[in-house]
Amino acid sequence: MNTMLTEEGTFSDAHPLLPTRQQVAGFGFYLYLLSDGILFASLFAAFAVLRGATDGGPQIQSLFELKNAYIETVALLTSSFTCGMAMIAADRRRRIKAQLLFLATVLLGLAFLNIEVHELFKLSASGATFSSSAAMTAFFTLVGTHGLHVTVGLIWLLISMAQIHFKGITDGVFRRLICFSLFWHVLDIVWIAVFTFVYLVGAAP
């Protein structure tokens, strides 16, 4: 329970005008999402400036396989849909349905990561490494940062699924699920931007 300091130096019940702990936590999470948006905007700007700086190596548009990027996009968009359906089930306290849909979200996220990691290793094996040029540095940083966020999101979701299993869908667990779903949908939006500006526009001659 929130408290406030009285004139006598002791604590009493919180003033009704003061925000609750949940409101402060929610505001802080929105600030985090905003800071993440600024981070990705900076990485997009760096890629836009540096995509032609190949240091005499192959042009970046010749290194991409758009087929893999299409599959990644379908997997992540579908995972966003299953996450949304899971949240509807969780809101109605349908635990088994929510768990199955969250499991589908995890599997689709893992499929996305598998393709992305395979692509990055394939690029490195062909000589297009993180340090081979400024263009590749910008590419690896942008795509790798998004992949890291997806990895963290999957770990977060697995922990949340364990909490649902042991505690049920309590109010506290549901609030954390809301934060996760916002995080996951933001990653989906970021990937659409990556797919558009890196793989489609960036791969254009």
Protein backbone atom coordinates (compact mmCIF):
# COMPACT_ATOMS: atom_id res chain seq x y z
CA MET A 1 0.00 0.00 0.00
CA ASN A 2 1.29 3.46 -0.83
CA THR A 3 2.03 5.74 2.12
CA MET A 4 2.93 9.38 2.68
CA LEU A 5 4.96 11.11 5.41
CA THR A 6 2.93 13.09 7.96
CA GLU A 7 4.03 16.14 9.93
CA GLU A 8 4.86 13.91 12.92
CA GLY A 9 7.30 11.93 10.76
CA THR A 10 5.21 8.77 10.60
CA PHE A 11 3.54 7.21 7.59
CA SER A 12 -0.19 7.19 6.95
CA ASP A 13 -2.41 5.92 4.16
CA ALA A 14 -1.58 7.27 0.71
CA HIS A 15 -3.16 10.49 -0.46
CA PRO A 16 -5.77 9.75 -3.14
CA LEU A 17 -4.09 12.16 -5.54
CA LEU A 18 -0.80 10.26 -5.44
CA PRO A 19 -0.25 7.65 -8.17
CA THR A 20 -0.36 3.98 -7.23
CA ARG A 21 2.62 1.68 -7.63
CA GLN A 22 0.97 0.09 -10.67
CA GLN A 23 0.50 3.51 -12.30
CA VAL A 24 4.14 4.44 -11.68
CA ALA A 25 5.31 1.08 -13.04
CA GLY A 26 3.10 1.49 -16.12
CA PHE A 27 4.42 4.98 -16.75
CA GLY A 28 7.98 3.73 -16.38
CA PHE A 29 7.35 0.95 -18.87
CA TYR A 30 5.98 3.40 -21.42
CA LEU A 31 9.12 5.48 -20.95
CA TYR A 32 11.18 2.38 -21.61
CA LEU A 33 9.27 1.70 -24.85
CA LEU A 34 9.85 5.31 -25.88
CA SER A 35 13.59 5.00 -25.21
CA ASP A 36 13.64 1.78 -27.25
CA GLY A 37 11.97 3.63 -30.10
CA ILE A 38 14.69 6.29 -29.97
CA LEU A 39 17.35 3.55 -29.99
CA PHE A 40 15.95 1.88 -33.09
CA ALA A 41 15.40 5.22 -34.83
CA SER A 42 19.12 5.95 -34.32
CA LEU A 43 20.07 2.54 -35.73
CA PHE A 44 17.82 3.06 -38.76
CA ALA A 45 19.41 6.46 -39.37
CA ALA A 46 22.90 4.94 -39.14
CA PHE A 47 21.99 2.24 -41.65
CA ALA A 48 20.46 4.78 -44.05
CA VAL A 49 23.69 6.81 -43.98
CA LEU A 50 26.13 3.89 -44.13
CA ARG A 51 24.45 1.33 -46.37
CA GLY A 52 26.63 2.37 -49.31
CA ALA A 53 29.87 2.43 -47.31
CA THR A 54 31.11 -1.04 -48.28
CA ASP A 55 34.87 -0.28 -48.28
CA GLY A 56 35.28 -1.77 -51.74
CA GLY A 57 33.43 -4.98 -50.85
CA PRO A 58 30.24 -6.33 -52.39
CA GLN A 59 27.24 -4.05 -52.42
CA ILE A 60 24.90 -4.78 -49.55
CA GLN A 61 21.95 -5.44 -51.85
CA SER A 62 23.71 -8.50 -53.28
CA LEU A 63 24.02 -10.18 -49.86
CA PHE A 64 20.38 -10.46 -48.83
CA GLU A 65 18.02 -13.37 -49.43
CA LEU A 66 14.57 -11.84 -49.53
CA LYS A 67 12.92 -15.27 -49.30
CA ASN A 68 14.24 -15.69 -45.74
CA ALA A 69 13.16 -12.16 -44.86
CA TYR A 70 9.63 -12.92 -46.09
CA ILE A 71 9.46 -16.07 -43.96
CA GLU A 72 10.74 -14.16 -40.93
CA THR A 73 8.09 -11.51 -41.46
CA VAL A 74 5.28 -14.05 -41.70
CA ALA A 75 6.51 -15.84 -38.55
CA LEU A 76 6.73 -12.65 -36.50
CA LEU A 77 3.41 -11.23 -37.74
CA THR A 78 1.71 -14.53 -36.92
CA SER A 79 3.31 -14.55 -33.46
CA SER A 80 1.88 -11.10 -32.85
CA PHE A 81 -1.57 -12.45 -33.76
CA THR A 82 -1.26 -15.47 -31.44
CA CYS A 83 0.00 -13.18 -28.67
CA GLY A 84 -3.07 -10.97 -29.08
CA MET A 85 -5.41 -13.97 -28.99
CA ALA A 86 -3.59 -15.28 -25.90
CA MET A 87 -4.13 -11.96 -24.16
CA ILE A 88 -7.86 -12.16 -24.90
CA ALA A 89 -7.93 -15.65 -23.39
CA ALA A 90 -5.91 -14.47 -20.38
CA ASP A 91 -8.28 -11.55 -19.84
CA ARG A 92 -11.13 -14.07 -19.68
CA ARG A 93 -9.02 -16.21 -17.32
CA ARG A 94 -8.97 -19.16 -19.73
CA ARG A 95 -5.61 -20.45 -18.60
CA ILE A 96 -5.17 -23.51 -20.85
CA LYS A 97 -6.15 -21.63 -24.02
CA ALA A 98 -3.86 -18.75 -23.09
CA GLN A 99 -0.97 -21.14 -22.43
CA LEU A 100 -1.41 -22.90 -25.79
CA LEU A 101 -1.51 -19.60 -27.67
CA PHE A 102 1.53 -18.30 -25.77
CA LEU A 103 3.32 -21.56 -26.65
CA ALA A 104 2.52 -20.93 -30.32
CA THR A 105 3.96 -17.42 -29.90
CA VAL A 106 7.16 -18.90 -28.45
CA LEU A 107 7.52 -21.42 -31.29
CA LEU A 108 6.99 -18.75 -33.95
CA GLY A 109 9.50 -16.49 -32.20
CA LEU A 110 12.04 -19.31 -32.12
CA ALA A 111 11.45 -19.95 -35.82
CA PHE A 112 12.11 -16.28 -36.51
CA LEU A 113 15.32 -16.32 -34.47
CA ASN A 114 16.52 -19.54 -36.11
CA ILE A 115 16.23 -18.05 -39.59
CA GLU A 116 17.83 -14.78 -38.52
CA VAL A 117 20.80 -16.41 -36.77
CA HIS A 118 21.31 -18.75 -39.75
CA GLU A 119 21.34 -15.76 -42.10
CA LEU A 120 23.85 -13.82 -39.99
CA PHE A 121 26.17 -16.83 -39.74
CA LYS A 122 25.88 -17.40 -43.48
CA LEU A 123 26.83 -13.77 -44.16
CA SER A 124 29.81 -14.05 -41.82
CA ALA A 125 30.95 -17.28 -43.49
CA SER A 126 30.88 -15.55 -46.87
CA GLY A 127 33.16 -12.78 -45.58
CA ALA A 128 30.48 -10.18 -44.90
CA THR A 129 31.20 -9.87 -41.18
CA PHE A 130 30.33 -7.22 -38.61
CA SER A 131 33.71 -5.51 -39.15
CA SER A 132 34.10 -5.93 -42.91
CA SER A 133 32.61 -2.50 -43.68
CA ALA A 134 30.61 0.32 -42.15
CA ALA A 135 27.54 -0.88 -44.05
CA MET A 136 27.78 -4.36 -42.53
CA THR A 137 28.41 -2.89 -39.08
CA ALA A 138 25.20 -0.88 -39.37
CA PHE A 139 23.30 -3.91 -40.69
CA PHE A 140 24.51 -6.35 -38.03
CA THR A 141 23.88 -3.81 -35.25
CA LEU A 142 20.31 -3.05 -36.33
CA VAL A 143 19.24 -6.62 -37.06
CA GLY A 144 21.18 -8.02 -34.10
CA THR A 145 19.65 -5.52 -31.67
CA HIS A 146 16.18 -6.48 -32.82
CA GLY A 147 17.05 -10.17 -32.52
CA LEU A 148 18.35 -9.59 -28.99
CA HIS A 149 15.06 -7.94 -28.07
CA VAL A 150 13.16 -10.93 -29.48
CA THR A 151 15.33 -13.27 -27.40
CA VAL A 152 14.65 -11.28 -24.23
CA GLY A 153 10.94 -11.24 -25.07
CA LEU A 154 10.85 -15.02 -25.43
CA ILE A 155 12.60 -15.49 -22.08
CA TRP A 156 10.13 -13.05 -20.53
CA LEU A 157 7.20 -14.96 -22.01
CA LEU A 158 8.51 -18.33 -20.79
CA ILE A 159 8.82 -16.92 -17.27
CA SER A 160 5.28 -15.54 -17.52
CA MET A 161 4.00 -18.94 -18.68
CA ALA A 162 5.65 -20.54 -15.65
CA GLN A 163 3.93 -18.00 -13.40
CA ILE A 164 0.59 -18.79 -15.04
CA HIS A 165 1.21 -22.50 -14.44
CA PHE A 166 2.07 -22.14 -10.76
CA LYS A 167 0.01 -19.08 -9.74
CA GLY A 168 -2.78 -18.89 -12.27
CA ILE A 169 -3.75 -15.68 -14.05
CA THR A 170 -3.73 -13.34 -11.08
CA ASP A 171 -4.07 -9.57 -11.40
CA GLY A 172 -0.29 -9.15 -10.99
CA VAL A 173 0.51 -11.79 -13.61
CA PHE A 174 -2.00 -10.25 -16.01
CA ARG A 175 -0.44 -6.79 -15.61
CA ARG A 176 2.95 -8.25 -16.50
CA LEU A 177 1.40 -9.99 -19.50
CA ILE A 178 0.02 -6.66 -20.70
CA CYS A 179 3.52 -5.17 -20.54
CA PHE A 180 4.91 -8.16 -22.43
CA SER A 181 2.26 -7.92 -25.16
CA LEU A 182 3.02 -4.22 -25.67
CA PHE A 183 6.73 -5.04 -25.89
CA TRP A 184 6.10 -7.85 -28.38
CA HIS A 185 3.84 -5.78 -30.62
CA VAL A 186 6.43 -2.97 -30.66
CA LEU A 187 9.04 -5.50 -31.82
CA ASP A 188 6.65 -6.53 -34.58
CA ILE A 189 6.33 -2.91 -35.72
CA VAL A 190 10.11 -2.49 -35.61
CA TRP A 191 10.58 -5.60 -37.73
CA ILE A 192 8.15 -4.30 -40.35
CA ALA A 193 10.35 -1.20 -40.53
CA VAL A 194 13.48 -3.39 -40.76
CA PHE A 195 11.95 -5.48 -43.51
CA THR A 196 10.85 -2.40 -45.46
CA PHE A 197 13.89 -0.14 -45.13
CA VAL A 198 16.66 -2.74 -44.87
CA TYR A 199 15.56 -5.67 -47.00
CA LEU A 200 13.33 -3.95 -49.56
CA VAL A 201 14.53 -0.35 -49.85
CA GLY A 202 18.06 -1.12 -48.61
CA ALA A 203 18.48 -3.98 -51.04
CA ALA A 204 17.46 -1.85 -54.00
CA PRO A 205 20.41 -0.84 -56.26
